Amino acid sequence: MLTKIVLTLSVIAGCLWYLSAKRGQNRQPSLVVGSKKDQQRRAILLRGAYLFMFVMVIAASAMIYIELSDNYKTVTVHVINTQTGAKSSYQARREDVAAHSFTTVNGRKVYVAGIERIEVEAEAD
């Protein structure tokens, strides 16, 4: 954890040092006129970059939607006593199921003992 913070701070410090060194240089503005072929190539690359960014935003949005829709699905939770084999079944949302407890669709909070185990079964759509 500490190394992540130190690494992040060193990257920020390096960027600030680089920008301050660039600011100190006197650059002469240069006018570069490219050929028509170079301008077309640059336009194609720019369109490609915008298309790539658009596809990435769509893909990220789809992944977020899929993740959220999975969390709100109703699942059947089986609580099984490992000593007696007794089995109790409950309905809960996937996001409400934790390691040792869950909240049912009816709002009931169920805590699971150490000798019991939880099995989650997805509902058939």
C-alpha atoms as a PDB file:
ATOM      1  CA  MET A   1       0.000   0.000   0.000  1.00  0.00           C
ATOM      2  CA  LEU A   2       2.776   2.376   0.926  1.00  0.00           C
ATOM      3  CA  THR A   3       4.654   1.597  -2.281  1.00  0.00           C
ATOM      4  CA  LYS A   4       1.588   2.541  -4.355  1.00  0.00           C
ATOM      5  CA  ILE A   5       1.423   5.921  -2.628  1.00  0.00           C
ATOM      6  CA  VAL A   6       5.165   6.515  -3.026  1.00  0.00           C
ATOM      7  CA  LEU A   7       5.050   5.488  -6.689  1.00  0.00           C
ATOM      8  CA  THR A   8       2.085   7.770  -7.369  1.00  0.00           C
ATOM      9  CA  LEU A   9       3.763  10.717  -5.639  1.00  0.00           C
ATOM     10  CA  SER A  10       7.007  10.114  -7.536  1.00  0.00           C
ATOM     11  CA  VAL A  11       5.148  10.079 -10.872  1.00  0.00           C
ATOM     12  CA  ILE A  12       3.394  13.340  -9.967  1.00  0.00           C
ATOM     13  CA  ALA A  13       6.700  14.900  -8.890  1.00  0.00           C
ATOM     14  CA  GLY A  14       8.357  13.739 -12.126  1.00  0.00           C
ATOM     15  CA  CYS A  15       5.573  15.245 -14.232  1.00  0.00           C
ATOM     16  CA  LEU A  16       5.796  18.550 -12.380  1.00  0.00           C
ATOM     17  CA  TRP A  17       9.588  18.605 -12.806  1.00  0.00           C
ATOM     18  CA  TYR A  18       9.261  17.859 -16.517  1.00  0.00           C
ATOM     19  CA  LEU A  19       6.668  20.592 -17.028  1.00  0.00           C
ATOM     20  CA  SER A  20       8.708  23.158 -15.121  1.00  0.00           C
ATOM     21  CA  ALA A  21      11.800  22.313 -17.194  1.00  0.00           C
ATOM     22  CA  LYS A  22       9.790  22.676 -20.420  1.00  0.00           C
ATOM     23  CA  ARG A  23       8.381  26.010 -19.291  1.00  0.00           C
ATOM     24  CA  GLY A  24      11.872  27.416 -18.757  1.00  0.00           C
ATOM     25  CA  GLN A  25      12.905  26.791 -22.364  1.00  0.00           C
ATOM     26  CA  ASN A  26      12.316  29.504 -24.928  1.00  0.00           C
ATOM     27  CA  ARG A  27      10.797  27.822 -27.911  1.00  0.00           C
ATOM     28  CA  GLN A  28      10.591  29.556 -31.217  1.00  0.00           C
ATOM     29  CA  PRO A  29       7.223  29.046 -32.844  1.00  0.00           C
ATOM     30  CA  SER A  30       7.679  27.126 -36.026  1.00  0.00           C
ATOM     31  CA  LEU A  31       5.260  26.976 -38.866  1.00  0.00           C
ATOM     32  CA  VAL A  32       5.210  23.560 -40.441  1.00  0.00           C
ATOM     33  CA  VAL A  33       3.070  23.140 -43.469  1.00  0.00           C
ATOM     34  CA  GLY A  34       2.431  19.514 -44.269  1.00  0.00           C
ATOM     35  CA  SER A  35       1.541  18.135 -47.606  1.00  0.00           C
ATOM     36  CA  LYS A  36      -2.031  17.236 -48.436  1.00  0.00           C
ATOM     37  CA  LYS A  37      -1.222  13.546 -47.917  1.00  0.00           C
ATOM     38  CA  ASP A  38       0.098  14.265 -44.401  1.00  0.00           C
ATOM     39  CA  GLN A  39      -3.042  16.253 -43.586  1.00  0.00           C
ATOM     40  CA  GLN A  40      -5.253  13.396 -44.805  1.00  0.00           C
ATOM     41  CA  ARG A  41      -3.268  10.883 -42.762  1.00  0.00           C
ATOM     42  CA  ARG A  42      -3.631  13.071 -39.676  1.00  0.00           C
ATOM     43  CA  ALA A  43      -7.386  13.383 -40.265  1.00  0.00           C
ATOM     44  CA  ILE A  44      -7.715   9.596 -40.561  1.00  0.00           C
ATOM     45  CA  LEU A  45      -5.734   9.083 -37.343  1.00  0.00           C
ATOM     46  CA  LEU A  46      -7.864  11.658 -35.552  1.00  0.00           C
ATOM     47  CA  ARG A  47     -11.085   9.967 -36.691  1.00  0.00           C
ATOM     48  CA  GLY A  48      -9.649   6.608 -35.638  1.00  0.00           C
ATOM     49  CA  ALA A  49      -8.811   7.964 -32.189  1.00  0.00           C
ATOM     50  CA  TYR A  50     -12.334   9.365 -31.778  1.00  0.00           C
ATOM     51  CA  LEU A  51     -13.853   6.087 -32.970  1.00  0.00           C
ATOM     52  CA  PHE A  52     -11.684   4.119 -30.532  1.00  0.00           C
ATOM     53  CA  MET A  53     -12.726   6.385 -27.648  1.00  0.00           C
ATOM     54  CA  PHE A  54     -16.385   6.011 -28.629  1.00  0.00           C
ATOM     55  CA  VAL A  55     -16.099   2.210 -28.732  1.00  0.00           C
ATOM     56  CA  MET A  56     -14.378   2.200 -25.318  1.00  0.00           C
ATOM     57  CA  VAL A  57     -17.139   4.332 -23.776  1.00  0.00           C
ATOM     58  CA  ILE A  58     -19.813   2.031 -25.234  1.00  0.00           C
ATOM     59  CA  ALA A  59     -17.969  -1.075 -23.991  1.00  0.00           C
ATOM     60  CA  ALA A  60     -17.526   0.385 -20.488  1.00  0.00           C
ATOM     61  CA  SER A  61     -21.200   1.353 -20.384  1.00  0.00           C
ATOM     62  CA  ALA A  62     -22.235  -2.153 -21.426  1.00  0.00           C
ATOM     63  CA  MET A  63     -20.022  -3.741 -18.765  1.00  0.00           C
ATOM     64  CA  ILE A  64     -21.434  -1.458 -16.057  1.00  0.00           C
ATOM     65  CA  TYR A  65     -24.987  -2.272 -17.161  1.00  0.00           C
ATOM     66  CA  ILE A  66     -24.300  -6.017 -17.125  1.00  0.00           C
ATOM     67  CA  GLU A  67     -22.676  -5.827 -13.694  1.00  0.00           C
ATOM     68  CA  LEU A  68     -25.537  -3.819 -12.215  1.00  0.00           C
ATOM     69  CA  SER A  69     -28.222  -6.009 -13.751  1.00  0.00           C
ATOM     70  CA  ASP A  70     -26.521  -9.118 -12.325  1.00  0.00           C
ATOM     71  CA  ASN A  71     -26.442  -7.582  -8.845  1.00  0.00           C
ATOM     72  CA  TYR A  72     -30.198  -6.971  -8.833  1.00  0.00           C
ATOM     73  CA  LYS A  73     -31.213 -10.460  -9.977  1.00  0.00           C
ATOM     74  CA  THR A  74     -33.120 -12.586  -7.508  1.00  0.00           C
ATOM     75  CA  VAL A  75     -31.355 -15.768  -6.440  1.00  0.00           C
ATOM     76  CA  THR A  76     -32.251 -18.702  -4.233  1.00  0.00           C
ATOM     77  CA  VAL A  77     -30.010 -18.961  -1.177  1.00  0.00           C
ATOM     78  CA  HIS A  78     -29.750 -22.360   0.514  1.00  0.00           C
ATOM     79  CA  VAL A  79     -28.469 -22.425   4.096  1.00  0.00           C
ATOM     80  CA  ILE A  80     -27.200 -25.922   4.867  1.00  0.00           C
ATOM     81  CA  ASN A  81     -26.243 -27.160   8.326  1.00  0.00           C
ATOM     82  CA  THR A  82     -23.132 -29.258   7.804  1.00  0.00           C
ATOM     83  CA  GLN A  83     -23.758 -31.420  10.906  1.00  0.00           C
ATOM     84  CA  THR A  84     -27.408 -32.359  10.412  1.00  0.00           C
ATOM     85  CA  GLY A  85     -27.829 -31.722   6.695  1.00  0.00           C
ATOM     86  CA  ALA A  86     -30.907 -29.550   7.330  1.00  0.00           C
ATOM     87  CA  LYS A  87     -31.537 -27.177   4.436  1.00  0.00           C
ATOM     88  CA  SER A  88     -33.414 -23.864   4.465  1.00  0.00           C
ATOM     89  CA  SER A  89     -34.083 -21.884   1.299  1.00  0.00           C
ATOM     90  CA  TYR A  90     -34.566 -18.134   0.937  1.00  0.00           C
ATOM     91  CA  GLN A  91     -35.014 -15.631  -1.903  1.00  0.00           C
ATOM     92  CA  ALA A  92     -32.548 -12.718  -1.977  1.00  0.00           C
ATOM     93  CA  ARG A  93     -30.964 -10.290  -4.386  1.00  0.00           C
ATOM     94  CA  ARG A  94     -27.438 -11.224  -5.413  1.00  0.00           C
ATOM     95  CA  GLU A  95     -26.001  -7.954  -4.081  1.00  0.00           C
ATOM     96  CA  ASP A  96     -27.478  -8.632  -0.624  1.00  0.00           C
ATOM     97  CA  VAL A  97     -25.640 -11.932  -0.161  1.00  0.00           C
ATOM     98  CA  ALA A  98     -22.451 -11.643   1.910  1.00  0.00           C
ATOM     99  CA  ALA A  99     -20.098 -14.255   3.354  1.00  0.00           C
ATOM    100  CA  HIS A 100     -21.939 -14.900   6.629  1.00  0.00           C
ATOM    101  CA  SER A 101     -25.249 -13.068   6.208  1.00  0.00           C
ATOM    102  CA  PHE A 102     -27.802 -11.949   3.652  1.00  0.00           C
ATOM    103  CA  THR A 103     -31.025  -9.978   3.418  1.00  0.00           C
ATOM    104  CA  THR A 104     -34.071 -11.673   1.945  1.00  0.00           C
ATOM    105  CA  VAL A 105     -36.448 -10.116  -0.569  1.00  0.00           C
ATOM    106  CA  ASN A 106     -38.918  -9.631   2.321  1.00  0.00           C
ATOM    107  CA  GLY A 107     -36.326  -7.545   4.203  1.00  0.00           C
ATOM    108  CA  ARG A 108     -35.381 -10.214   6.731  1.00  0.00           C
ATOM    109  CA  LYS A 109     -31.699 -10.259   7.761  1.00  0.00           C
ATOM    110  CA  VAL A 110     -30.335 -13.819   8.030  1.00  0.00           C
ATOM    111  CA  TYR A 111     -27.045 -14.527   9.811  1.00  0.00           C
ATOM    112  CA  VAL A 112     -25.317 -17.822   9.070  1.00  0.00           C
ATOM    113  CA  ALA A 113     -23.591 -19.763  11.861  1.00  0.00           C
ATOM    114  CA  GLY A 114     -20.078 -21.128  11.548  1.00  0.00           C
ATOM    115  CA  ILE A 115     -21.327 -24.707  11.083  1.00  0.00           C
ATOM    116  CA  GLU A 116     -23.642 -23.697   8.248  1.00  0.00           C
ATOM    117  CA  ARG A 117     -22.780 -22.962   4.648  1.00  0.00           C
ATOM    118  CA  ILE A 118     -24.453 -20.858   1.979  1.00  0.00           C
ATOM    119  CA  GLU A 119     -25.194 -22.052  -1.545  1.00  0.00           C
ATOM    120  CA  VAL A 120     -26.415 -19.506  -4.082  1.00  0.00           C
ATOM    121  CA  GLU A 121     -28.550 -20.765  -6.960  1.00  0.00           C
ATOM    122  CA  ALA A 122     -29.414 -18.434  -9.820  1.00  0.00           C
ATOM    123  CA  GLU A 123     -33.061 -18.154 -10.796  1.00  0.00           C
ATOM    124  CA  ALA A 124     -33.993 -19.451 -14.224  1.00  0.00           C
ATOM    125  CA  ASP A 125     -35.026 -16.524 -16.441  1.00  0.00           C
END
